[in-house]
């Protein structure tokens, strides 16, 4: 059975699913169609992405990005306040 199967909303169907899981009659888990090597490469890229980007930027570029982010945060917080 999948790690977190989608639970049905109908209480009767949910009860049957629980009984099936408890008795071992649950439907088999569908086979994965993902290539494990591709999954590992994607995860590897995701782990080093931010650090690699920060290392490739100049100090001025990082400063501009930080200023833009701070401005976005402050304008978002002030958008509901009118003076």
C-alpha atoms as a PDB file:
ATOM      1  CA  UNK A   1       0.000   0.000   0.000  1.00  0.00           C
ATOM      2  CA  UNK A   2       1.187   3.546  -0.668  1.00  0.00           C
ATOM      3  CA  UNK A   3       2.630   5.556   2.204  1.00  0.00           C
ATOM      4  CA  UNK A   4      -0.325   7.947   2.383  1.00  0.00           C
ATOM      5  CA  UNK A   5      -3.203   6.618   0.300  1.00  0.00           C
ATOM      6  CA  UNK A   6      -5.934   9.095  -0.514  1.00  0.00           C
ATOM      7  CA  UNK A   7      -8.751   8.424   1.912  1.00  0.00           C
ATOM      8  CA  UNK A   8     -12.286   8.231   0.583  1.00  0.00           C
ATOM      9  CA  UNK A   9     -14.839  10.695   1.949  1.00  0.00           C
ATOM     10  CA  UNK A  10     -17.618   8.146   2.242  1.00  0.00           C
ATOM     11  CA  UNK A  11     -17.471   6.575   5.728  1.00  0.00           C
ATOM     12  CA  UNK A  12     -18.525   3.149   4.444  1.00  0.00           C
ATOM     13  CA  UNK A  13     -15.800   3.058   1.813  1.00  0.00           C
ATOM     14  CA  UNK A  14     -13.287   4.372   4.367  1.00  0.00           C
ATOM     15  CA  UNK A  15     -14.259   1.602   6.776  1.00  0.00           C
ATOM     16  CA  UNK A  16     -13.766  -1.014   4.064  1.00  0.00           C
ATOM     17  CA  UNK A  17     -10.352   0.443   3.229  1.00  0.00           C
ATOM     18  CA  UNK A  18      -9.300   0.294   6.891  1.00  0.00           C
ATOM     19  CA  UNK A  19     -10.451  -3.319   7.201  1.00  0.00           C
ATOM     20  CA  UNK A  20      -8.666  -4.235   3.941  1.00  0.00           C
ATOM     21  CA  UNK A  21      -5.426  -2.670   5.172  1.00  0.00           C
ATOM     22  CA  UNK A  22      -5.730  -4.385   8.558  1.00  0.00           C
ATOM     23  CA  UNK A  23      -6.371  -7.813   7.037  1.00  0.00           C
ATOM     24  CA  UNK A  24      -3.743  -7.463   4.309  1.00  0.00           C
ATOM     25  CA  UNK A  25      -6.268  -7.441   1.451  1.00  0.00           C
ATOM     26  CA  UNK A  26      -5.405  -3.927   0.325  1.00  0.00           C
ATOM     27  CA  UNK A  27      -4.736  -3.390  -3.388  1.00  0.00           C
ATOM     28  CA  UNK A  28      -1.054  -3.652  -4.319  1.00  0.00           C
ATOM     29  CA  UNK A  29       1.020  -0.508  -4.618  1.00  0.00           C
ATOM     30  CA  UNK A  30       1.337   0.630  -8.244  1.00  0.00           C
ATOM     31  CA  UNK A  31       4.883   0.365  -9.634  1.00  0.00           C
ATOM     32  CA  UNK A  32       6.891   3.563  -9.791  1.00  0.00           C
ATOM     33  CA  UNK A  33       7.532   4.887 -13.277  1.00  0.00           C
ATOM     34  CA  UNK A  34      10.341   7.239 -12.299  1.00  0.00           C
ATOM     35  CA  UNK A  35      13.918   6.475 -13.206  1.00  0.00           C
ATOM     36  CA  UNK A  36      15.839   6.240  -9.890  1.00  0.00           C
ATOM     37  CA  UNK A  37      18.998   7.675 -11.450  1.00  0.00           C
ATOM     38  CA  UNK A  38      17.098  10.721 -12.728  1.00  0.00           C
ATOM     39  CA  UNK A  39      15.454  11.218  -9.343  1.00  0.00           C
ATOM     40  CA  UNK A  40      18.841  11.178  -7.612  1.00  0.00           C
ATOM     41  CA  UNK A  41      20.315  13.663 -10.087  1.00  0.00           C
ATOM     42  CA  UNK A  42      17.361  16.017  -9.591  1.00  0.00           C
ATOM     43  CA  UNK A  43      17.726  15.842  -5.827  1.00  0.00           C
ATOM     44  CA  UNK A  44      21.441  16.468  -6.085  1.00  0.00           C
ATOM     45  CA  UNK A  45      20.867  19.568  -8.195  1.00  0.00           C
ATOM     46  CA  UNK A  46      18.255  20.834  -5.748  1.00  0.00           C
ATOM     47  CA  UNK A  47      20.598  20.445  -2.801  1.00  0.00           C
ATOM     48  CA  UNK A  48      23.392  22.501  -4.305  1.00  0.00           C
ATOM     49  CA  UNK A  49      21.311  25.026  -6.290  1.00  0.00           C
ATOM     50  CA  UNK A  50      21.184  27.977  -3.902  1.00  0.00           C
ATOM     51  CA  UNK A  51      24.795  27.700  -2.801  1.00  0.00           C
ATOM     52  CA  UNK A  52      26.021  27.434  -6.385  1.00  0.00           C
ATOM     53  CA  UNK A  53      23.965  30.465  -7.419  1.00  0.00           C
ATOM     54  CA  UNK A  54      25.216  32.527  -4.487  1.00  0.00           C
ATOM     55  CA  UNK A  55      28.816  31.610  -5.293  1.00  0.00           C
ATOM     56  CA  UNK A  56      28.407  32.704  -8.919  1.00  0.00           C
ATOM     57  CA  UNK A  57      26.949  36.135  -8.054  1.00  0.00           C
ATOM     58  CA  UNK A  58      29.044  39.204  -7.367  1.00  0.00           C
ATOM     59  CA  UNK A  59      28.679  41.115  -4.113  1.00  0.00           C
ATOM     60  CA  UNK A  60      26.845  43.904  -5.929  1.00  0.00           C
ATOM     61  CA  UNK A  61      24.373  41.449  -7.497  1.00  0.00           C
ATOM     62  CA  UNK A  62      23.667  39.821  -4.129  1.00  0.00           C
ATOM     63  CA  UNK A  63      23.119  43.263  -2.599  1.00  0.00           C
ATOM     64  CA  UNK A  64      20.653  44.243  -5.341  1.00  0.00           C
ATOM     65  CA  UNK A  65      18.719  40.988  -4.905  1.00  0.00           C
ATOM     66  CA  UNK A  66      18.560  41.529  -1.133  1.00  0.00           C
ATOM     67  CA  UNK A  67      17.326  45.121  -1.564  1.00  0.00           C
ATOM     68  CA  UNK A  68      14.646  43.991  -3.995  1.00  0.00           C
ATOM     69  CA  UNK A  69      13.493  41.272  -1.578  1.00  0.00           C
ATOM     70  CA  UNK A  70      13.383  43.684   1.370  1.00  0.00           C
ATOM     71  CA  UNK A  71      11.398  46.189  -0.674  1.00  0.00           C
ATOM     72  CA  UNK A  72       8.925  43.482  -1.686  1.00  0.00           C
ATOM     73  CA  UNK A  73       8.470  42.427   1.933  1.00  0.00           C
ATOM     74  CA  UNK A  74       7.874  45.971   3.150  1.00  0.00           C
ATOM     75  CA  UNK A  75       5.507  46.972   0.348  1.00  0.00           C
ATOM     76  CA  UNK A  76       3.537  43.772   0.942  1.00  0.00           C
ATOM     77  CA  UNK A  77       3.188  44.585   4.654  1.00  0.00           C
ATOM     78  CA  UNK A  78       2.256  48.221   3.992  1.00  0.00           C
ATOM     79  CA  UNK A  79      -0.238  47.517   1.203  1.00  0.00           C
ATOM     80  CA  UNK A  80      -3.219  47.331   3.599  1.00  0.00           C
ATOM     81  CA  UNK A  81      -2.306  50.465   5.579  1.00  0.00           C
ATOM     82  CA  UNK A  82      -3.564  53.835   4.327  1.00  0.00           C
ATOM     83  CA  UNK A  83      -2.589  57.095   5.955  1.00  0.00           C
END
